[in-house]
Amino acid sequence: MKLKIGNFYKEEFIITQEMVNQFAKLSGDKNPLHINKDFASKTRFKKPIVHGLFSVTSFGKVMGTKFPGSGSIQVSQNLSFKNPLYPDLKYYVYVELIRIIKDKHFGIFKTQIFDMKNKIIVDGTGIVRHETKL
């Protein structure tokens, strides 16, 4: 089924502190702001925050497996980090198709993360190619 402008997908997720610690090991980004409670308590954030680039892996998960889904390839992503994402809290990812470039099978998607009070955490747009759905 071909997607239409205005189609969207929304999904809740939680990133735990343990996941943040594992991401720090895998990425090499061991900034104490992400993994050290004592250090983070002395910052404006008051507690550890999730790596921004870790939080936005939710976009790839959604677009590569669910919307548009299997067979998608993300070719571009721009991001604006508006507010911190804290471990062990619930958030939701929102992806909406806002434009289609038919001859290239590209879709331009609004990509956002919100907290459960609808406060925006991350705002951006991504371009995805899908041979059959776009």
N, C-alpha and C. Protein backbone atom coordinates (compact mmCIF):
# COMPACT_ATOMS: atom_id res chain seq x y z
N MET A 1 0.84 -1.19 0.00
CA MET A 1 0.00 0.00 0.00
C MET A 1 0.89 1.25 0.00
N LYS A 2 0.62 2.16 -0.91
CA LYS A 2 1.36 3.42 -1.00
C LYS A 2 0.96 4.34 0.15
N LEU A 3 1.95 5.02 0.69
CA LEU A 3 1.69 6.00 1.74
C LEU A 3 1.22 7.31 1.11
N LYS A 4 0.48 8.09 1.90
CA LYS A 4 -0.02 9.39 1.46
C LYS A 4 0.47 10.46 2.42
N ILE A 5 0.58 11.66 1.90
CA ILE A 5 0.96 12.79 2.75
C ILE A 5 -0.05 12.88 3.90
N GLY A 6 0.50 13.06 5.10
CA GLY A 6 -0.34 13.13 6.29
C GLY A 6 -0.39 11.82 7.07
N ASN A 7 -0.02 10.69 6.45
CA ASN A 7 0.07 9.44 7.19
C ASN A 7 1.14 9.60 8.26
N PHE A 8 0.91 9.01 9.44
CA PHE A 8 1.89 9.13 10.52
C PHE A 8 1.94 7.86 11.35
N TYR A 9 2.97 7.77 12.16
CA TYR A 9 3.16 6.65 13.07
C TYR A 9 3.68 7.21 14.38
N LYS A 10 3.21 6.66 15.49
CA LYS A 10 3.58 7.13 16.82
C LYS A 10 3.82 5.91 17.70
N GLU A 11 4.88 5.94 18.52
CA GLU A 11 5.20 4.80 19.37
C GLU A 11 5.89 5.27 20.64
N GLU A 12 5.49 4.70 21.77
CA GLU A 12 6.13 5.02 23.05
C GLU A 12 7.43 4.22 23.19
N PHE A 13 8.37 4.80 23.96
CA PHE A 13 9.61 4.09 24.25
C PHE A 13 10.22 4.61 25.55
N ILE A 14 11.09 3.81 26.10
CA ILE A 14 11.87 4.18 27.29
C ILE A 14 13.32 3.81 27.02
N ILE A 15 14.24 4.70 27.35
CA ILE A 15 15.66 4.40 27.32
C ILE A 15 16.12 4.36 28.77
N THR A 16 16.61 3.23 29.21
CA THR A 16 17.04 3.07 30.60
C THR A 16 18.47 3.60 30.79
N GLN A 17 18.82 3.83 32.05
CA GLN A 17 20.19 4.24 32.34
C GLN A 17 21.18 3.16 31.93
N GLU A 18 20.80 1.91 32.10
CA GLU A 18 21.68 0.82 31.66
C GLU A 18 21.92 0.87 30.16
N MET A 19 20.89 1.19 29.38
CA MET A 19 21.06 1.33 27.94
C MET A 19 21.99 2.49 27.61
N VAL A 20 21.86 3.60 28.35
CA VAL A 20 22.75 4.76 28.16
C VAL A 20 24.20 4.35 28.45
N ASN A 21 24.40 3.60 29.55
CA ASN A 21 25.75 3.15 29.90
C ASN A 21 26.33 2.27 28.79
N GLN A 22 25.51 1.38 28.23
CA GLN A 22 25.97 0.52 27.13
C GLN A 22 26.29 1.34 25.88
N PHE A 23 25.44 2.34 25.58
CA PHE A 23 25.71 3.20 24.44
C PHE A 23 27.02 3.95 24.63
N ALA A 24 27.29 4.42 25.85
CA ALA A 24 28.54 5.12 26.14
C ALA A 24 29.73 4.21 25.84
N LYS A 25 29.64 2.95 26.23
CA LYS A 25 30.72 2.00 25.96
C LYS A 25 30.88 1.75 24.46
N LEU A 26 29.76 1.52 23.78
CA LEU A 26 29.80 1.22 22.35
C LEU A 26 30.30 2.40 21.51
N SER A 27 29.84 3.60 21.86
CA SER A 27 30.17 4.79 21.06
C SER A 27 31.49 5.43 21.47
N GLY A 28 31.93 5.16 22.70
CA GLY A 28 33.12 5.81 23.22
C GLY A 28 32.83 7.17 23.83
N ASP A 29 31.56 7.61 23.79
CA ASP A 29 31.18 8.90 24.38
C ASP A 29 30.85 8.68 25.86
N LYS A 30 31.87 8.79 26.68
CA LYS A 30 31.72 8.56 28.11
C LYS A 30 31.64 9.87 28.89
N ASN A 31 31.04 10.88 28.27
CA ASN A 31 30.81 12.16 28.93
C ASN A 31 30.09 11.88 30.25
N PRO A 32 30.63 12.36 31.39
CA PRO A 32 30.01 12.07 32.68
C PRO A 32 28.59 12.63 32.81
N LEU A 33 28.22 13.56 31.95
CA LEU A 33 26.85 14.09 31.98
C LEU A 33 25.82 12.99 31.70
N HIS A 34 26.26 11.95 30.99
CA HIS A 34 25.36 10.85 30.64
C HIS A 34 25.41 9.68 31.63
N ILE A 35 26.53 9.51 32.33
CA ILE A 35 26.72 8.26 33.09
C ILE A 35 27.09 8.44 34.56
N ASN A 36 27.23 9.67 35.01
CA ASN A 36 27.66 9.90 36.39
C ASN A 36 26.66 10.79 37.12
N LYS A 37 25.93 10.20 38.06
CA LYS A 37 24.89 10.95 38.80
C LYS A 37 25.47 12.15 39.55
N ASP A 38 26.61 11.96 40.21
CA ASP A 38 27.19 13.05 40.99
C ASP A 38 27.59 14.21 40.09
N PHE A 39 28.25 13.91 38.99
CA PHE A 39 28.63 14.97 38.05
C PHE A 39 27.39 15.68 37.52
N ALA A 40 26.41 14.90 37.03
CA ALA A 40 25.20 15.47 36.43
C ALA A 40 24.41 16.30 37.42
N SER A 41 24.45 15.93 38.71
CA SER A 41 23.69 16.68 39.73
C SER A 41 24.17 18.11 39.88
N LYS A 42 25.39 18.39 39.44
CA LYS A 42 25.96 19.74 39.55
C LYS A 42 25.76 20.56 38.28
N THR A 43 25.04 20.00 37.32
CA THR A 43 24.77 20.70 36.06
C THR A 43 23.34 21.23 36.07
N ARG A 44 23.01 21.99 35.04
CA ARG A 44 21.64 22.51 34.92
C ARG A 44 20.61 21.41 34.74
N PHE A 45 21.06 20.20 34.35
CA PHE A 45 20.13 19.10 34.12
C PHE A 45 19.77 18.36 35.41
N LYS A 46 20.61 18.44 36.43
CA LYS A 46 20.40 17.87 37.76
C LYS A 46 20.52 16.35 37.84
N LYS A 47 20.48 15.68 36.70
CA LYS A 47 20.65 14.22 36.67
C LYS A 47 21.13 13.83 35.28
N PRO A 48 21.62 12.61 35.10
CA PRO A 48 22.12 12.20 33.77
C PRO A 48 21.07 12.35 32.67
N ILE A 49 21.56 12.67 31.48
CA ILE A 49 20.69 12.77 30.31
C ILE A 49 21.14 11.75 29.26
N VAL A 50 20.22 11.38 28.39
CA VAL A 50 20.50 10.45 27.30
C VAL A 50 21.30 11.18 26.22
N HIS A 51 22.27 10.49 25.63
CA HIS A 51 22.99 11.03 24.47
C HIS A 51 21.97 11.40 23.41
N GLY A 52 22.10 12.58 22.83
CA GLY A 52 21.16 13.01 21.80
C GLY A 52 21.10 12.04 20.63
N LEU A 53 22.27 11.61 20.16
CA LEU A 53 22.27 10.71 19.01
C LEU A 53 21.72 9.33 19.35
N PHE A 54 21.80 8.92 20.59
CA PHE A 54 21.17 7.66 20.99
C PHE A 54 19.65 7.80 20.95
N SER A 55 19.14 8.93 21.42
CA SER A 55 17.68 9.11 21.45
C SER A 55 17.07 9.05 20.05
N VAL A 56 17.79 9.55 19.06
CA VAL A 56 17.20 9.62 17.71
C VAL A 56 17.35 8.32 16.92
N THR A 57 17.94 7.30 17.52
CA THR A 57 17.92 6.00 16.86
C THR A 57 16.48 5.50 16.77
N SER A 58 15.59 6.09 17.56
CA SER A 58 14.16 5.73 17.47
C SER A 58 13.60 6.05 16.09
N PHE A 59 14.12 7.07 15.41
CA PHE A 59 13.65 7.39 14.06
C PHE A 59 14.02 6.25 13.08
N GLY A 60 15.25 5.80 13.15
CA GLY A 60 15.68 4.71 12.28
C GLY A 60 14.91 3.44 12.54
N LYS A 61 14.65 3.16 13.81
CA LYS A 61 13.87 1.96 14.16
C LYS A 61 12.48 2.02 13.52
N VAL A 62 11.81 3.15 13.68
CA VAL A 62 10.46 3.29 13.13
C VAL A 62 10.49 3.22 11.61
N MET A 63 11.33 4.03 10.98
CA MET A 63 11.30 4.12 9.52
C MET A 63 11.83 2.86 8.85
N GLY A 64 12.75 2.16 9.50
CA GLY A 64 13.31 0.95 8.90
C GLY A 64 12.50 -0.30 9.14
N THR A 65 11.63 -0.29 10.16
CA THR A 65 10.91 -1.52 10.48
C THR A 65 9.40 -1.40 10.47
N LYS A 66 8.87 -0.17 10.57
CA LYS A 66 7.42 -0.03 10.73
C LYS A 66 6.77 0.98 9.79
N PHE A 67 7.40 2.13 9.58
CA PHE A 67 6.77 3.20 8.81
C PHE A 67 7.82 4.02 8.10
N PRO A 68 8.06 3.85 6.83
CA PRO A 68 7.35 2.99 5.89
C PRO A 68 7.61 1.50 6.10
N GLY A 69 8.76 1.11 6.68
CA GLY A 69 8.96 -0.29 7.02
C GLY A 69 10.11 -0.94 6.28
N SER A 70 10.11 -2.28 6.34
CA SER A 70 11.17 -3.09 5.77
C SER A 70 11.44 -2.68 4.32
N GLY A 71 12.71 -2.55 4.00
CA GLY A 71 13.10 -2.11 2.66
C GLY A 71 13.41 -0.63 2.58
N SER A 72 13.12 0.11 3.65
CA SER A 72 13.42 1.55 3.68
C SER A 72 14.90 1.78 3.87
N ILE A 73 15.37 2.86 3.30
CA ILE A 73 16.72 3.32 3.59
C ILE A 73 16.66 4.82 3.85
N GLN A 74 17.19 5.22 5.00
CA GLN A 74 17.20 6.63 5.35
C GLN A 74 18.41 7.27 4.69
N VAL A 75 18.19 8.35 3.93
CA VAL A 75 19.28 8.99 3.20
C VAL A 75 19.70 10.33 3.79
N SER A 76 18.87 10.87 4.69
CA SER A 76 19.20 12.17 5.27
C SER A 76 18.40 12.35 6.56
N GLN A 77 18.96 13.12 7.50
CA GLN A 77 18.25 13.46 8.74
C GLN A 77 18.81 14.76 9.26
N ASN A 78 17.93 15.72 9.54
CA ASN A 78 18.39 16.91 10.26
C ASN A 78 17.71 16.90 11.62
N LEU A 79 18.38 17.50 12.60
CA LEU A 79 17.94 17.41 13.98
C LEU A 79 18.10 18.73 14.70
N SER A 80 17.19 18.97 15.62
CA SER A 80 17.31 20.08 16.55
C SER A 80 16.92 19.54 17.92
N PHE A 81 17.87 19.56 18.86
CA PHE A 81 17.62 19.07 20.21
C PHE A 81 17.06 20.22 21.04
N LYS A 82 15.78 20.12 21.39
CA LYS A 82 15.07 21.21 22.06
C LYS A 82 15.13 21.12 23.59
N ASN A 83 15.07 19.90 24.11
CA ASN A 83 15.05 19.66 25.55
C ASN A 83 15.75 18.34 25.83
N PRO A 84 16.24 18.15 27.06
CA PRO A 84 16.92 16.89 27.37
C PRO A 84 15.94 15.72 27.47
N LEU A 85 16.46 14.55 27.18
CA LEU A 85 15.73 13.31 27.37
C LEU A 85 16.41 12.60 28.54
N TYR A 86 15.65 12.26 29.56
CA TYR A 86 16.19 11.63 30.75
C TYR A 86 15.95 10.12 30.72
N PRO A 87 16.92 9.34 31.20
CA PRO A 87 16.72 7.89 31.25
C PRO A 87 15.55 7.51 32.16
N ASP A 88 14.97 6.36 31.83
CA ASP A 88 13.95 5.71 32.65
C ASP A 88 12.60 6.43 32.68
N LEU A 89 12.37 7.34 31.75
CA LEU A 89 11.08 8.00 31.60
C LEU A 89 10.48 7.61 30.25
N LYS A 90 9.18 7.71 30.13
CA LYS A 90 8.49 7.35 28.90
C LYS A 90 8.41 8.55 27.96
N TYR A 91 8.67 8.29 26.68
CA TYR A 91 8.60 9.28 25.62
C TYR A 91 7.86 8.66 24.44
N TYR A 92 7.57 9.48 23.43
CA TYR A 92 7.08 8.87 22.20
C TYR A 92 7.73 9.51 20.99
N VAL A 93 7.93 8.67 19.99
CA VAL A 93 8.47 9.09 18.71
C VAL A 93 7.29 9.29 17.77
N TYR A 94 7.36 10.36 16.97
CA TYR A 94 6.29 10.69 16.01
C TYR A 94 6.94 10.91 14.66
N VAL A 95 6.46 10.18 13.66
CA VAL A 95 6.98 10.28 12.30
C VAL A 95 5.79 10.50 11.36
N GLU A 96 5.83 11.59 10.58
CA GLU A 96 4.73 11.92 9.67
C GLU A 96 5.26 12.21 8.27
N LEU A 97 4.63 11.61 7.27
CA LEU A 97 5.00 11.86 5.88
C LEU A 97 4.48 13.24 5.47
N ILE A 98 5.40 14.13 5.07
CA ILE A 98 4.99 15.49 4.73
C ILE A 98 5.19 15.83 3.24
N ARG A 99 5.96 15.00 2.53
CA ARG A 99 6.16 15.26 1.09
C ARG A 99 6.64 13.97 0.43
N ILE A 100 6.25 13.79 -0.82
CA ILE A 100 6.68 12.63 -1.60
C ILE A 100 7.36 13.11 -2.88
N ILE A 101 8.51 12.53 -3.19
CA ILE A 101 9.19 12.78 -4.46
C ILE A 101 9.08 11.47 -5.23
N LYS A 102 8.02 11.35 -6.02
CA LYS A 102 7.63 10.08 -6.63
C LYS A 102 8.70 9.47 -7.53
N ASP A 103 9.32 10.28 -8.39
CA ASP A 103 10.27 9.71 -9.35
C ASP A 103 11.49 9.09 -8.69
N LYS A 104 11.79 9.49 -7.46
CA LYS A 104 12.94 8.94 -6.73
C LYS A 104 12.52 7.98 -5.61
N HIS A 105 11.20 7.83 -5.42
CA HIS A 105 10.67 6.99 -4.32
C HIS A 105 11.15 7.51 -2.96
N PHE A 106 11.24 8.82 -2.83
CA PHE A 106 11.65 9.46 -1.59
C PHE A 106 10.43 10.00 -0.85
N GLY A 107 10.48 9.88 0.46
CA GLY A 107 9.51 10.54 1.31
C GLY A 107 10.24 11.46 2.26
N ILE A 108 9.70 12.63 2.49
CA ILE A 108 10.24 13.54 3.49
C ILE A 108 9.31 13.44 4.70
N PHE A 109 9.91 13.14 5.83
CA PHE A 109 9.15 12.86 7.05
C PHE A 109 9.49 13.85 8.15
N LYS A 110 8.46 14.34 8.83
CA LYS A 110 8.66 15.07 10.07
C LYS A 110 9.04 14.01 11.11
N THR A 111 10.12 14.25 11.84
CA THR A 111 10.59 13.29 12.84
C THR A 111 10.72 14.02 14.17
N GLN A 112 9.97 13.55 15.17
CA GLN A 112 9.96 14.25 16.46
C GLN A 112 9.91 13.27 17.63
N ILE A 113 10.42 13.73 18.75
CA ILE A 113 10.29 13.01 20.02
C ILE A 113 9.64 13.97 21.00
N PHE A 114 8.65 13.44 21.75
CA PHE A 114 7.93 14.21 22.76
C PHE A 114 7.96 13.47 24.09
N ASP A 115 7.86 14.25 25.19
CA ASP A 115 7.62 13.59 26.47
C ASP A 115 6.13 13.32 26.59
N MET A 116 5.71 12.71 27.66
CA MET A 116 4.31 12.30 27.80
C MET A 116 3.37 13.47 28.09
N LYS A 117 3.94 14.67 28.27
CA LYS A 117 3.12 15.88 28.42
C LYS A 117 3.10 16.67 27.11
N ASN A 118 3.55 16.04 26.02
CA ASN A 118 3.61 16.63 24.68
C ASN A 118 4.61 17.77 24.55
N LYS A 119 5.60 17.81 25.41
CA LYS A 119 6.69 18.78 25.29
C LYS A 119 7.70 18.21 24.28
N ILE A 120 8.08 19.03 23.30
CA ILE A 120 8.98 18.54 22.26
C ILE A 120 10.40 18.40 22.80
N ILE A 121 11.01 17.29 22.49
CA ILE A 121 12.38 17.00 22.91
C ILE A 121 13.33 17.13 21.72
N VAL A 122 12.96 16.51 20.60
CA VAL A 122 13.76 16.56 19.38
C VAL A 122 12.83 16.88 18.22
N ASP A 123 13.29 17.75 17.33
CA ASP A 123 12.52 18.11 16.14
C ASP A 123 13.43 17.96 14.92
N GLY A 124 12.88 17.44 13.84
CA GLY A 124 13.70 17.29 12.65
C GLY A 124 12.91 16.81 11.45
N THR A 125 13.62 16.58 10.37
CA THR A 125 13.05 15.97 9.18
C THR A 125 14.04 14.94 8.65
N GLY A 126 13.48 13.87 8.11
CA GLY A 126 14.30 12.83 7.52
C GLY A 126 13.81 12.51 6.12
N ILE A 127 14.73 12.08 5.28
CA ILE A 127 14.38 11.64 3.93
C ILE A 127 14.63 10.14 3.85
N VAL A 128 13.61 9.43 3.37
CA VAL A 128 13.66 7.98 3.29
C VAL A 128 13.32 7.55 1.88
N ARG A 129 13.99 6.53 1.39
CA ARG A 129 13.67 5.92 0.09
C ARG A 129 13.00 4.57 0.35
N HIS A 130 11.91 4.35 -0.35
CA HIS A 130 11.23 3.04 -0.30
C HIS A 130 10.64 2.78 -1.67
N GLU A 131 11.06 1.69 -2.30
CA GLU A 131 10.69 1.40 -3.71
C GLU A 131 9.19 1.22 -3.94
N THR A 132 8.47 0.66 -2.99
CA THR A 132 7.06 0.35 -3.24
C THR A 132 6.06 1.22 -2.51
N LYS A 133 6.46 1.78 -1.36
CA LYS A 133 5.50 2.54 -0.56
C LYS A 133 5.54 4.04 -0.82
N LEU A 134 6.55 4.51 -1.56
CA LEU A 134 6.66 5.95 -1.83
C LEU A 134 6.74 6.21 -3.33
